[in-house]
Amino acid sequence: MAKSKLITLLTPVLVFFMGTTVAMAQTDVPDYSNLDNWAAHPWKLDASDSIPQPLRDGFVPDSSVDVFFIHPTTYLDKEQPFGWNAPVDDAALNQKTDNTTILKQLSIFNIAGRVFAPRYRQAHINAYYTADTVTARAALNEAYGDVRAAFAYYMAHYNNGRPVIIASHSQGTTHAKVLLREFFDGKPLQQKLVAAYIVGIPVEPYWFASIPPCNTPAQTGCFCTWRTLATGYLTPFVENEKYTAVVTNPLTWDASQPVASRESNEGAVLLNFNKVLKHVAGATVHGGVLWTDKPHFFGNIFFTTKNYHIADYNLYYASVRNNVKLRVQTFLKNYGPGQQGH
């Protein structure tokens, strides 16, 4: 699939996981005691440890909170060389994952504490668009099985009672929605949820029974979500949705302030990881999406897409990073690192 077509289409999700527990085969699940099966892990140096140069001053690492991140689809090869699910040990695909989403998305969250991101047998991008829903369901189920196994291993061996942030993008959010419902929603572990940043895939207003949307900047135990499009544009998939997806404004973080100008944007991180660009994009909640005028940066004349999916986090990099810090501070102040919240 051509990149331009991918950017245009990558908004919908086929929701296959409607129950809180998903039955799936457990064959060939990666061994998560092996650090090679983690794209990010606090016991090794990886791309998630990176910090854009302008944001490095005053950074003090903390280990009071953990971040569990589920990366988006990077298996995009038109020929589907691995079939419907990618292996976790393909060096080229892993390098692509690490140099894109782990570097430019997950690095946002290292301000919160320790970060974990499993490699998993991600479904090919075509799983979202094929008419063969049985095959698509199987591919996404296999991917979720790995994510679930990685999280269970994390909880058993690494968590040790620490508060948790769940973060994700695109296919990662398809899986994060299910993970949150299975392990957190109305469960004891919900008391340890600092917040969830589940971005790039619509979150139905009825998806969670007990986890509310984040309606204020310092609220904890809640979830944030958005999909970014050009002002005035709606994809056909959004127009056909039978519900209005939950949307968080990633500049105001306040449900009572749905509009923010680009002047309030503290910094985007785009192609050059070490350049933080201020005032690139505004944010307006419109129905089930986030609208922004065409981003302002040198060379934007060549930026012609109206679907900003791949930049959902990066347009608001500094704002998300600061908000993560605020929610962590609030949680620790109210509950402490070893206490129950909410």
C-alpha atoms as a PDB file:
ATOM      1  CA  MET A   1       0.000   0.000   0.000  1.00  0.00           C
ATOM      2  CA  ALA A   2       1.418   3.374  -0.984  1.00  0.00           C
ATOM      3  CA  LYS A   3       2.252   5.722   1.868  1.00  0.00           C
ATOM      4  CA  SER A   4      -0.162   8.402   0.645  1.00  0.00           C
ATOM      5  CA  LYS A   5      -3.005   5.910   0.534  1.00  0.00           C
ATOM      6  CA  LEU A   6      -2.048   4.582   3.936  1.00  0.00           C
ATOM      7  CA  ILE A   7      -2.114   8.036   5.495  1.00  0.00           C
ATOM      8  CA  THR A   8      -5.511   8.702   3.956  1.00  0.00           C
ATOM      9  CA  LEU A   9      -7.066   5.468   5.123  1.00  0.00           C
ATOM     10  CA  LEU A  10      -5.495   4.805   8.484  1.00  0.00           C
ATOM     11  CA  THR A  11      -8.361   5.937  10.680  1.00  0.00           C
ATOM     12  CA  PRO A  12     -10.915   3.134  11.054  1.00  0.00           C
ATOM     13  CA  VAL A  13     -10.791   0.078  13.261  1.00  0.00           C
ATOM     14  CA  LEU A  14     -12.583  -3.194  12.928  1.00  0.00           C
ATOM     15  CA  VAL A  15     -13.588  -3.956  16.485  1.00  0.00           C
ATOM     16  CA  PHE A  16     -13.375  -7.691  16.886  1.00  0.00           C
ATOM     17  CA  PHE A  17     -12.838  -7.878  20.633  1.00  0.00           C
ATOM     18  CA  MET A  18     -16.250  -7.123  22.061  1.00  0.00           C
ATOM     19  CA  GLY A  19     -15.874  -9.212  25.234  1.00  0.00           C
ATOM     20  CA  THR A  20     -13.661  -8.455  28.202  1.00  0.00           C
ATOM     21  CA  THR A  21     -11.803 -11.718  27.688  1.00  0.00           C
ATOM     22  CA  VAL A  22     -10.552 -12.899  24.335  1.00  0.00           C
ATOM     23  CA  ALA A  23     -10.034 -16.555  23.526  1.00  0.00           C
ATOM     24  CA  MET A  24      -6.979 -17.160  21.391  1.00  0.00           C
ATOM     25  CA  ALA A  25      -4.336 -19.725  20.592  1.00  0.00           C
ATOM     26  CA  GLN A  26      -1.194 -19.370  22.688  1.00  0.00           C
ATOM     27  CA  THR A  27       1.163 -21.060  20.240  1.00  0.00           C
ATOM     28  CA  ASP A  28       4.489 -19.379  19.524  1.00  0.00           C
ATOM     29  CA  VAL A  29       3.935 -16.526  21.966  1.00  0.00           C
ATOM     30  CA  PRO A  30       7.256 -14.691  22.363  1.00  0.00           C
ATOM     31  CA  ASP A  31       9.295 -15.357  25.487  1.00  0.00           C
ATOM     32  CA  TYR A  32       9.080 -12.071  27.354  1.00  0.00           C
ATOM     33  CA  SER A  33      11.823 -13.055  29.762  1.00  0.00           C
ATOM     34  CA  ASN A  34      14.117 -12.432  26.775  1.00  0.00           C
ATOM     35  CA  LEU A  35      14.974  -8.732  26.469  1.00  0.00           C
ATOM     36  CA  ASP A  36      15.233  -9.135  22.697  1.00  0.00           C
ATOM     37  CA  ASN A  37      11.439  -9.411  22.677  1.00  0.00           C
ATOM     38  CA  TRP A  38      11.051  -5.913  24.105  1.00  0.00           C
ATOM     39  CA  ALA A  39      11.409  -2.855  21.883  1.00  0.00           C
ATOM     40  CA  ALA A  40      11.781  -0.808  25.057  1.00  0.00           C
ATOM     41  CA  HIS A  41      12.782  -1.994  28.494  1.00  0.00           C
ATOM     42  CA  PRO A  42      14.424  -0.247  31.456  1.00  0.00           C
ATOM     43  CA  TRP A  43      17.138  -2.896  31.612  1.00  0.00           C
ATOM     44  CA  LYS A  44      18.552  -2.003  28.211  1.00  0.00           C
ATOM     45  CA  LEU A  45      19.467   1.106  26.245  1.00  0.00           C
ATOM     46  CA  ASP A  46      16.937   1.670  23.488  1.00  0.00           C
ATOM     47  CA  ALA A  47      15.312   4.410  21.421  1.00  0.00           C
ATOM     48  CA  SER A  48      12.720   5.169  24.102  1.00  0.00           C
ATOM     49  CA  ASP A  49      15.496   6.596  26.293  1.00  0.00           C
ATOM     50  CA  SER A  50      16.035   9.453  23.843  1.00  0.00           C
ATOM     51  CA  ILE A  51      15.039  13.028  24.642  1.00  0.00           C
ATOM     52  CA  PRO A  52      14.890  15.857  22.070  1.00  0.00           C
ATOM     53  CA  GLN A  53      17.841  18.127  22.733  1.00  0.00           C
ATOM     54  CA  PRO A  54      15.780  21.244  23.654  1.00  0.00           C
ATOM     55  CA  LEU A  55      13.895  19.255  26.334  1.00  0.00           C
ATOM     56  CA  ARG A  56      16.884  17.729  28.099  1.00  0.00           C
ATOM     57  CA  ASP A  57      17.532  20.516  30.606  1.00  0.00           C
ATOM     58  CA  GLY A  58      16.172  19.706  34.025  1.00  0.00           C
ATOM     59  CA  PHE A  59      15.181  16.151  33.142  1.00  0.00           C
ATOM     60  CA  VAL A  60      15.341  13.986  36.255  1.00  0.00           C
ATOM     61  CA  PRO A  61      14.575  10.289  35.728  1.00  0.00           C
ATOM     62  CA  ASP A  62      12.153   8.653  38.128  1.00  0.00           C
ATOM     63  CA  SER A  63      11.121   5.038  38.569  1.00  0.00           C
ATOM     64  CA  SER A  64       7.952   5.531  40.629  1.00  0.00           C
ATOM     65  CA  VAL A  65       5.657   4.984  37.643  1.00  0.00           C
ATOM     66  CA  ASP A  66       5.789   2.525  34.743  1.00  0.00           C
ATOM     67  CA  VAL A  67       4.623   3.059  31.172  1.00  0.00           C
ATOM     68  CA  PHE A  68       3.390   0.128  29.098  1.00  0.00           C
ATOM     69  CA  PHE A  69       3.325   1.162  25.445  1.00  0.00           C
ATOM     70  CA  ILE A  70       1.797  -0.742  22.526  1.00  0.00           C
ATOM     71  CA  HIS A  71       3.258   0.433  19.245  1.00  0.00           C
ATOM     72  CA  PRO A  72       1.282   1.011  16.033  1.00  0.00           C
ATOM     73  CA  THR A  73       1.480  -0.952  12.799  1.00  0.00           C
ATOM     74  CA  THR A  74       4.887  -0.908  11.167  1.00  0.00           C
ATOM     75  CA  TYR A  75       4.258  -4.025   9.058  1.00  0.00           C
ATOM     76  CA  LEU A  76       3.189  -2.253   5.876  1.00  0.00           C
ATOM     77  CA  ASP A  77       4.879  -4.216   3.064  1.00  0.00           C
ATOM     78  CA  LYS A  78       2.501  -4.488   0.138  1.00  0.00           C
ATOM     79  CA  GLU A  79       3.544  -8.088  -0.555  1.00  0.00           C
ATOM     80  CA  GLN A  80       2.911  -9.227   3.070  1.00  0.00           C
ATOM     81  CA  PRO A  81       6.131 -11.292   3.111  1.00  0.00           C
ATOM     82  CA  PHE A  82       5.320 -12.810   6.500  1.00  0.00           C
ATOM     83  CA  GLY A  83       1.642 -13.415   5.840  1.00  0.00           C
ATOM     84  CA  TRP A  84      -0.884 -11.765   8.110  1.00  0.00           C
ATOM     85  CA  ASN A  85       1.331 -11.451  11.196  1.00  0.00           C
ATOM     86  CA  ALA A  86       4.917 -10.264  11.383  1.00  0.00           C
ATOM     87  CA  PRO A  87       7.520 -12.150  13.411  1.00  0.00           C
ATOM     88  CA  VAL A  88       9.146 -10.446  16.390  1.00  0.00           C
ATOM     89  CA  ASP A  89      12.688 -11.269  15.294  1.00  0.00           C
ATOM     90  CA  ASP A  90      12.902  -9.632  11.875  1.00  0.00           C
ATOM     91  CA  ALA A  91      15.814  -7.220  12.180  1.00  0.00           C
ATOM     92  CA  ALA A  92      14.692  -4.820   9.461  1.00  0.00           C
ATOM     93  CA  LEU A  93      11.160  -4.500  10.790  1.00  0.00           C
ATOM     94  CA  ASN A  94      12.392  -4.080  14.350  1.00  0.00           C
ATOM     95  CA  GLN A  95      14.782  -1.341  13.281  1.00  0.00           C
ATOM     96  CA  LYS A  96      11.952   0.416  11.488  1.00  0.00           C
ATOM     97  CA  THR A  97       9.775   0.174  14.602  1.00  0.00           C
ATOM     98  CA  ASP A  98      12.532   1.451  16.865  1.00  0.00           C
ATOM     99  CA  ASN A  99      13.499   4.377  14.627  1.00  0.00           C
ATOM    100  CA  THR A 100       9.930   5.589  14.224  1.00  0.00           C
ATOM    101  CA  THR A 101       7.331   4.914  16.877  1.00  0.00           C
ATOM    102  CA  ILE A 102       9.653   3.962  19.752  1.00  0.00           C
ATOM    103  CA  LEU A 103      11.852   7.008  19.155  1.00  0.00           C
ATOM    104  CA  LYS A 104       9.241   9.591  18.225  1.00  0.00           C
ATOM    105  CA  GLN A 105       6.190   8.455  20.199  1.00  0.00           C
ATOM    106  CA  LEU A 106       7.245   6.404  23.197  1.00  0.00           C
ATOM    107  CA  SER A 107      10.050   8.829  24.089  1.00  0.00           C
ATOM    108  CA  ILE A 108       7.334  11.284  25.112  1.00  0.00           C
ATOM    109  CA  PHE A 109       6.603   9.087  28.090  1.00  0.00           C
ATOM    110  CA  ASN A 110      10.081   8.569  29.524  1.00  0.00           C
ATOM    111  CA  ILE A 111       9.388  11.641  31.655  1.00  0.00           C
ATOM    112  CA  ALA A 112       6.970   9.470  33.651  1.00  0.00           C
ATOM    113  CA  GLY A 113       9.392   6.752  34.695  1.00  0.00           C
ATOM    114  CA  ARG A 114      10.299   3.307  33.407  1.00  0.00           C
ATOM    115  CA  VAL A 115       9.030   2.396  29.950  1.00  0.00           C
ATOM    116  CA  PHE A 116       8.157  -1.006  28.536  1.00  0.00           C
ATOM    117  CA  ALA A 117       7.127  -1.787  24.957  1.00  0.00           C
ATOM    118  CA  PRO A 118       6.797  -5.396  23.807  1.00  0.00           C
ATOM    119  CA  ARG A 119       7.557  -6.625  20.351  1.00  0.00           C
ATOM    120  CA  TYR A 120       4.510  -8.528  19.225  1.00  0.00           C
ATOM    121  CA  ARG A 121       3.318 -10.362  16.152  1.00  0.00           C
ATOM    122  CA  GLN A 122       1.543  -7.318  14.812  1.00  0.00           C
ATOM    123  CA  ALA A 123      -1.159  -7.744  12.210  1.00  0.00           C
ATOM    124  CA  HIS A 124      -0.470  -6.453   8.716  1.00  0.00           C
ATOM    125  CA  ILE A 125      -2.091  -3.100   7.928  1.00  0.00           C
ATOM    126  CA  ASN A 126      -4.446  -4.851   5.498  1.00  0.00           C
ATOM    127  CA  ALA A 127      -6.195  -6.489   8.459  1.00  0.00           C
ATOM    128  CA  TYR A 128      -8.036  -3.183   8.813  1.00  0.00           C
ATOM    129  CA  TYR A 129      -9.247  -3.076   5.235  1.00  0.00           C
ATOM    130  CA  THR A 130      -9.713  -6.600   3.919  1.00  0.00           C
ATOM    131  CA  ALA A 131     -13.215  -7.903   3.253  1.00  0.00           C
ATOM    132  CA  ASP A 132     -12.056 -11.207   4.755  1.00  0.00           C
ATOM    133  CA  THR A 133     -13.075 -10.410   8.305  1.00  0.00           C
ATOM    134  CA  VAL A 134     -12.367 -13.941   9.556  1.00  0.00           C
ATOM    135  CA  THR A 135      -8.719 -13.666   8.536  1.00  0.00           C
ATOM    136  CA  ALA A 136      -8.483 -10.138   9.892  1.00  0.00           C
ATOM    137  CA  ARG A 137      -9.986 -11.220  13.204  1.00  0.00           C
ATOM    138  CA  ALA A 138      -7.478 -14.059  13.499  1.00  0.00           C
ATOM    139  CA  ALA A 139      -4.537 -11.770  12.739  1.00  0.00           C
ATOM    140  CA  LEU A 140      -5.577  -9.159  15.297  1.00  0.00           C
ATOM    141  CA  ASN A 141      -6.349 -11.832  17.879  1.00  0.00           C
ATOM    142  CA  GLU A 142      -2.865 -13.289  17.449  1.00  0.00           C
ATOM    143  CA  ALA A 143      -1.348  -9.843  17.897  1.00  0.00           C
ATOM    144  CA  TYR A 144      -3.407  -9.179  21.010  1.00  0.00           C
ATOM    145  CA  GLY A 145      -2.422 -12.560  22.439  1.00  0.00           C
ATOM    146  CA  ASP A 146       1.202 -11.434  22.438  1.00  0.00           C
ATOM    147  CA  VAL A 147       0.379  -8.040  23.947  1.00  0.00           C
ATOM    148  CA  ARG A 148      -1.637  -9.737  26.651  1.00  0.00           C
ATOM    149  CA  ALA A 149       1.170 -12.195  27.404  1.00  0.00           C
ATOM    150  CA  ALA A 150       3.711  -9.356  27.567  1.00  0.00           C
ATOM    151  CA  PHE A 151       1.548  -7.381  29.979  1.00  0.00           C
ATOM    152  CA  ALA A 152       0.960 -10.435  32.168  1.00  0.00           C
ATOM    153  CA  TYR A 153       4.719 -11.027  32.259  1.00  0.00           C
ATOM    154  CA  TYR A 154       5.312  -7.377  33.102  1.00  0.00           C
ATOM    155  CA  MET A 155       2.824  -7.524  35.965  1.00  0.00           C
ATOM    156  CA  ALA A 156       4.283 -10.749  37.344  1.00  0.00           C
ATOM    157  CA  HIS A 157       7.963  -9.783  37.113  1.00  0.00           C
ATOM    158  CA  TYR A 158       8.409  -6.014  36.921  1.00  0.00           C
ATOM    159  CA  ASN A 159       5.472  -4.036  38.279  1.00  0.00           C
ATOM    160  CA  ASN A 160       5.880  -4.669  42.012  1.00  0.00           C
ATOM    161  CA  GLY A 161       2.937  -2.432  42.888  1.00  0.00           C
ATOM    162  CA  ARG A 162       3.972   0.626  40.875  1.00  0.00           C
ATOM    163  CA  PRO A 163       1.348   2.885  39.264  1.00  0.00           C
ATOM    164  CA  VAL A 164       0.938   2.372  35.517  1.00  0.00           C
ATOM    165  CA  ILE A 165       0.358   4.463  32.405  1.00  0.00           C
ATOM    166  CA  ILE A 166      -0.995   2.637  29.355  1.00  0.00           C
ATOM    167  CA  ALA A 167      -0.046   4.337  26.090  1.00  0.00           C
ATOM    168  CA  SER A 168      -0.634   3.340  22.485  1.00  0.00           C
ATOM    169  CA  HIS A 169      -1.216   4.434  18.926  1.00  0.00           C
ATOM    170  CA  SER A 170      -3.231   3.030  16.006  1.00  0.00           C
ATOM    171  CA  GLN A 171      -3.097  -0.809  16.031  1.00  0.00           C
ATOM    172  CA  GLY A 172      -1.598  -0.445  19.475  1.00  0.00           C
ATOM    173  CA  THR A 173      -4.794   1.285  20.583  1.00  0.00           C
ATOM    174  CA  THR A 174      -6.909  -1.511  19.112  1.00  0.00           C
ATOM    175  CA  HIS A 175      -5.106  -3.776  21.572  1.00  0.00           C
ATOM    176  CA  ALA A 176      -4.881  -1.250  24.425  1.00  0.00           C
ATOM    177  CA  LYS A 177      -8.654  -0.836  24.474  1.00  0.00           C
ATOM    178  CA  VAL A 178      -9.045  -4.557  25.062  1.00  0.00           C
ATOM    179  CA  LEU A 179      -6.174  -4.734  27.545  1.00  0.00           C
ATOM    180  CA  LEU A 180      -7.644  -1.924  29.626  1.00  0.00           C
ATOM    181  CA  ARG A 181     -11.062  -3.519  29.638  1.00  0.00           C
ATOM    182  CA  GLU A 182      -9.700  -6.944  30.526  1.00  0.00           C
ATOM    183  CA  PHE A 183      -7.199  -5.968  33.227  1.00  0.00           C
ATOM    184  CA  PHE A 184      -8.279  -2.543  34.550  1.00  0.00           C
ATOM    185  CA  ASP A 185     -11.924  -1.659  33.900  1.00  0.00           C
ATOM    186  CA  GLY A 186     -13.738  -2.284  37.167  1.00  0.00           C
ATOM    187  CA  LYS A 187     -10.846  -4.460  38.373  1.00  0.00           C
ATOM    188  CA  PRO A 188      -8.518  -3.852  41.352  1.00  0.00           C
ATOM    189  CA  LEU A 189      -5.719  -2.809  38.983  1.00  0.00           C
ATOM    190  CA  GLN A 190      -7.762   0.228  37.972  1.00  0.00           C
ATOM    191  CA  GLN A 191      -6.652   1.777  41.257  1.00  0.00           C
ATOM    192  CA  LYS A 192      -3.097   1.820  39.902  1.00  0.00           C
ATOM    193  CA  LEU A 193      -3.956   3.489  36.590  1.00  0.00           C
ATOM    194  CA  VAL A 194      -2.402   6.952  36.416  1.00  0.00           C
ATOM    195  CA  ALA A 195      -3.945   7.497  32.968  1.00  0.00           C
ATOM    196  CA  ALA A 196      -4.246   5.892  29.556  1.00  0.00           C
ATOM    197  CA  TYR A 197      -3.222   7.685  26.367  1.00  0.00           C
ATOM    198  CA  ILE A 198      -4.937   5.595  23.705  1.00  0.00           C
ATOM    199  CA  VAL A 199      -4.604   7.535  20.485  1.00  0.00           C
ATOM    200  CA  GLY A 200      -5.331   7.157  16.770  1.00  0.00           C
ATOM    201  CA  ILE A 201      -8.262   4.741  16.913  1.00  0.00           C
ATOM    202  CA  PRO A 202     -11.816   5.730  17.905  1.00  0.00           C
ATOM    203  CA  VAL A 203     -12.854   4.978  21.477  1.00  0.00           C
ATOM    204  CA  GLU A 204     -16.584   4.528  21.782  1.00  0.00           C
ATOM    205  CA  PRO A 205     -18.272   6.458  24.615  1.00  0.00           C
ATOM    206  CA  TYR A 206     -19.613   3.179  26.004  1.00  0.00           C
ATOM    207  CA  TRP A 207     -16.399   1.134  25.663  1.00  0.00           C
ATOM    208  CA  PHE A 208     -15.427   1.225  29.348  1.00  0.00           C
ATOM    209  CA  ALA A 209     -17.761   0.597  32.262  1.00  0.00           C
ATOM    210  CA  SER A 210     -15.633   2.276  34.937  1.00  0.00           C
ATOM    211  CA  ILE A 211     -12.742   4.170  33.328  1.00  0.00           C
ATOM    212  CA  PRO A 212     -13.877   7.733  32.503  1.00  0.00           C
ATOM    213  CA  PRO A 213     -12.500  10.098  29.885  1.00  0.00           C
ATOM    214  CA  CYS A 214      -9.931  12.586  31.180  1.00  0.00           C
ATOM    215  CA  ASN A 215     -11.875  15.848  31.406  1.00  0.00           C
ATOM    216  CA  THR A 216      -9.330  17.990  33.264  1.00  0.00           C
ATOM    217  CA  PRO A 217      -5.546  18.285  32.893  1.00  0.00           C
ATOM    218  CA  ALA A 218      -4.599  16.706  36.221  1.00  0.00           C
ATOM    219  CA  GLN A 219      -7.306  14.050  36.433  1.00  0.00           C
ATOM    220  CA  THR A 220      -6.034  10.520  37.021  1.00  0.00           C
ATOM    221  CA  GLY A 221      -7.517   7.070  36.530  1.00  0.00           C
ATOM    222  CA  CYS A 222      -8.923   8.171  33.154  1.00  0.00           C
ATOM    223  CA  PHE A 223      -8.176   7.935  29.439  1.00  0.00           C
ATOM    224  CA  CYS A 224      -7.182  10.429  26.742  1.00  0.00           C
ATOM    225  CA  THR A 225      -7.820   9.839  23.054  1.00  0.00           C
ATOM    226  CA  TRP A 226      -7.888  11.742  19.769  1.00  0.00           C
ATOM    227  CA  ARG A 227      -7.615  11.374  15.987  1.00  0.00           C
ATOM    228  CA  THR A 228      -6.198  14.336  14.088  1.00  0.00           C
ATOM    229  CA  LEU A 229      -7.574  15.585  10.764  1.00  0.00           C
ATOM    230  CA  ALA A 230      -7.391  18.800   8.774  1.00  0.00           C
ATOM    231  CA  THR A 231     -10.021  21.367   9.723  1.00  0.00           C
ATOM    232  CA  GLY A 232     -13.204  20.721   7.778  1.00  0.00           C
ATOM    233  CA  TYR A 233     -12.255  17.179   6.787  1.00  0.00           C
ATOM    234  CA  LEU A 234     -13.885  13.915   7.835  1.00  0.00           C
ATOM    235  CA  THR A 235     -12.882  10.554   6.445  1.00  0.00           C
ATOM    236  CA  PRO A 236     -15.688   8.350   5.090  1.00  0.00           C
ATOM    237  CA  PHE A 237     -15.059   6.005   8.008  1.00  0.00           C
ATOM    238  CA  VAL A 238     -15.730   8.758  10.536  1.00  0.00           C
ATOM    239  CA  GLU A 239     -18.838   9.851   8.675  1.00  0.00           C
ATOM    240  CA  ASN A 240     -20.165   6.301   8.842  1.00  0.00           C
ATOM    241  CA  GLU A 241     -19.551   5.776  12.552  1.00  0.00           C
ATOM    242  CA  LYS A 242     -22.753   5.170  14.501  1.00  0.00           C
ATOM    243  CA  TYR A 243     -21.450   6.929  17.604  1.00  0.00           C
ATOM    244  CA  THR A 244     -19.459  10.035  18.472  1.00  0.00           C
ATOM    245  CA  ALA A 245     -16.023   8.892  19.582  1.00  0.00           C
ATOM    246  CA  VAL A 246     -14.488  10.361  22.722  1.00  0.00           C
ATOM    247  CA  VAL A 247     -11.976  13.136  21.953  1.00  0.00           C
ATOM    248  CA  THR A 248      -9.449  14.801  24.246  1.00  0.00           C
ATOM    249  CA  ASN A 249      -7.949  18.148  23.289  1.00  0.00           C
ATOM    250  CA  PRO A 250      -4.165  17.558  23.604  1.00  0.00           C
ATOM    251  CA  LEU A 251      -3.466  21.261  24.124  1.00  0.00           C
ATOM    252  CA  THR A 252      -6.036  22.191  26.778  1.00  0.00           C
ATOM    253  CA  TRP A 253      -6.732  18.744  28.284  1.00  0.00           C
ATOM    254  CA  ASP A 254      -9.997  20.290  29.469  1.00  0.00           C
ATOM    255  CA  ALA A 255     -13.403  19.157  28.215  1.00  0.00           C
ATOM    256  CA  SER A 256     -14.744  22.653  28.866  1.00  0.00           C
ATOM    257  CA  GLN A 257     -12.111  24.137  26.530  1.00  0.00           C
ATOM    258  CA  PRO A 258     -12.484  22.283  23.219  1.00  0.00           C
ATOM    259  CA  VAL A 259     -10.593  24.869  21.128  1.00  0.00           C
ATOM    260  CA  ALA A 260      -6.928  25.873  21.313  1.00  0.00           C
ATOM    261  CA  SER A 261      -4.905  27.952  18.857  1.00  0.00           C
ATOM    262  CA  ARG A 262      -1.553  26.836  17.555  1.00  0.00           C
ATOM    263  CA  GLU A 263       0.071  29.639  19.578  1.00  0.00           C
ATOM    264  CA  SER A 264      -0.612  27.557  22.707  1.00  0.00           C
ATOM    265  CA  ASN A 265       1.257  24.564  21.286  1.00  0.00           C
ATOM    266  CA  GLU A 266       4.480  24.151  23.276  1.00  0.00           C
ATOM    267  CA  GLY A 267       6.245  22.084  20.669  1.00  0.00           C
ATOM    268  CA  ALA A 268       5.974  19.471  17.953  1.00  0.00           C
ATOM    269  CA  VAL A 269       8.622  16.909  17.031  1.00  0.00           C
ATOM    270  CA  LEU A 270       8.463  16.006  13.353  1.00  0.00           C
ATOM    271  CA  LEU A 271      11.188  14.674  11.037  1.00  0.00           C
ATOM    272  CA  ASN A 272      14.122  16.038  13.024  1.00  0.00           C
ATOM    273  CA  PHE A 273      13.883  14.438  16.457  1.00  0.00           C
ATOM    274  CA  ASN A 274      16.165  17.036  18.049  1.00  0.00           C
ATOM    275  CA  LYS A 275      14.191  20.033  16.834  1.00  0.00           C
ATOM    276  CA  VAL A 276      11.134  21.071  18.880  1.00  0.00           C
ATOM    277  CA  LEU A 277       8.920  23.330  16.784  1.00  0.00           C
ATOM    278  CA  LYS A 278       6.528  25.655  18.611  1.00  0.00           C
ATOM    279  CA  HIS A 279       3.146  26.819  17.334  1.00  0.00           C
ATOM    280  CA  VAL A 280       2.894  24.124  14.648  1.00  0.00           C
ATOM    281  CA  ALA A 281      -0.717  23.032  15.139  1.00  0.00           C
ATOM    282  CA  GLY A 282      -3.822  24.057  17.009  1.00  0.00           C
ATOM    283  CA  ALA A 283      -6.534  21.696  18.221  1.00  0.00           C
ATOM    284  CA  THR A 284     -10.317  21.820  17.993  1.00  0.00           C
ATOM    285  CA  VAL A 285     -12.622  19.043  19.143  1.00  0.00           C
ATOM    286  CA  HIS A 286     -15.225  18.478  16.440  1.00  0.00           C
ATOM    287  CA  GLY A 287     -17.587  15.590  16.857  1.00  0.00           C
ATOM    288  CA  GLY A 288     -15.550  12.430  17.126  1.00  0.00           C
ATOM    289  CA  VAL A 289     -12.254  13.844  15.834  1.00  0.00           C
ATOM    290  CA  LEU A 290      -9.654  16.522  16.465  1.00  0.00           C
ATOM    291  CA  TRP A 291      -9.340  19.221  13.817  1.00  0.00           C
ATOM    292  CA  THR A 292      -6.356  21.443  13.177  1.00  0.00           C
ATOM    293  CA  ASP A 293      -5.503  23.880  10.426  1.00  0.00           C
ATOM    294  CA  LYS A 294      -2.631  22.843   8.186  1.00  0.00           C
ATOM    295  CA  PRO A 295       0.467  22.537  10.384  1.00  0.00           C
ATOM    296  CA  HIS A 296       2.920  25.434  10.192  1.00  0.00           C
ATOM    297  CA  PHE A 297       6.496  24.328   9.574  1.00  0.00           C
ATOM    298  CA  PHE A 298       9.166  24.881   6.936  1.00  0.00           C
ATOM    299  CA  GLY A 299       8.359  22.721   3.945  1.00  0.00           C
ATOM    300  CA  ASN A 300       4.670  22.272   4.738  1.00  0.00           C
ATOM    301  CA  ILE A 301       3.863  23.169   1.136  1.00  0.00           C
ATOM    302  CA  PHE A 302       4.679  19.528   0.394  1.00  0.00           C
ATOM    303  CA  PHE A 303       2.417  18.293   3.194  1.00  0.00           C
ATOM    304  CA  THR A 304      -0.815  17.739   1.299  1.00  0.00           C
ATOM    305  CA  THR A 305      -2.644  15.009   3.199  1.00  0.00           C
ATOM    306  CA  LYS A 306      -5.725  15.917   5.223  1.00  0.00           C
ATOM    307  CA  ASN A 307      -5.358  12.963   7.566  1.00  0.00           C
ATOM    308  CA  TYR A 308      -2.708  13.628  10.212  1.00  0.00           C
ATOM    309  CA  HIS A 309      -2.927  10.174  11.756  1.00  0.00           C
ATOM    310  CA  ILE A 310       0.791   9.458  11.696  1.00  0.00           C
ATOM    311  CA  ALA A 311       1.433  12.713  13.597  1.00  0.00           C
ATOM    312  CA  ASP A 312      -1.272  12.306  16.265  1.00  0.00           C
ATOM    313  CA  TYR A 313       1.362  12.410  19.007  1.00  0.00           C
ATOM    314  CA  ASN A 314       4.105  14.347  17.255  1.00  0.00           C
ATOM    315  CA  LEU A 315       2.097  17.488  16.539  1.00  0.00           C
ATOM    316  CA  TYR A 316       1.570  17.796  20.309  1.00  0.00           C
ATOM    317  CA  TYR A 317       4.786  16.180  21.594  1.00  0.00           C
ATOM    318  CA  ALA A 318       5.716  18.722  24.275  1.00  0.00           C
ATOM    319  CA  SER A 319       2.130  19.175  25.417  1.00  0.00           C
ATOM    320  CA  VAL A 320       1.624  15.446  25.894  1.00  0.00           C
ATOM    321  CA  ARG A 321       4.950  15.148  27.702  1.00  0.00           C
ATOM    322  CA  ASN A 322       4.064  17.961  30.104  1.00  0.00           C
ATOM    323  CA  ASN A 323       0.626  16.526  30.712  1.00  0.00           C
ATOM    324  CA  VAL A 324       2.069  13.107  31.519  1.00  0.00           C
ATOM    325  CA  LYS A 325       4.337  14.770  34.070  1.00  0.00           C
ATOM    326  CA  LEU A 326       1.387  16.608  35.626  1.00  0.00           C
ATOM    327  CA  ARG A 327      -0.777  13.511  35.958  1.00  0.00           C
ATOM    328  CA  VAL A 328       2.097  11.528  37.465  1.00  0.00           C
ATOM    329  CA  GLN A 329       2.789  14.292  39.990  1.00  0.00           C
ATOM    330  CA  THR A 330      -0.893  14.458  40.887  1.00  0.00           C
ATOM    331  CA  PHE A 331      -1.203  10.702  41.315  1.00  0.00           C
ATOM    332  CA  LEU A 332       1.907  10.451  43.490  1.00  0.00           C
ATOM    333  CA  LYS A 333       0.850  13.445  45.564  1.00  0.00           C
ATOM    334  CA  ASN A 334      -2.604  12.038  46.171  1.00  0.00           C
ATOM    335  CA  TYR A 335      -1.797   8.363  46.525  1.00  0.00           C
ATOM    336  CA  GLY A 336       1.969   7.807  46.673  1.00  0.00           C
ATOM    337  CA  PRO A 337       3.883   5.265  44.606  1.00  0.00           C
ATOM    338  CA  GLY A 338       2.710   2.271  46.603  1.00  0.00           C
ATOM    339  CA  GLN A 339      -0.854   3.316  47.354  1.00  0.00           C
ATOM    340  CA  GLN A 340      -4.174   2.651  45.705  1.00  0.00           C
ATOM    341  CA  GLY A 341      -5.767   5.521  43.810  1.00  0.00           C
ATOM    342  CA  HIS A 342      -9.193   6.757  42.762  1.00  0.00           C
END
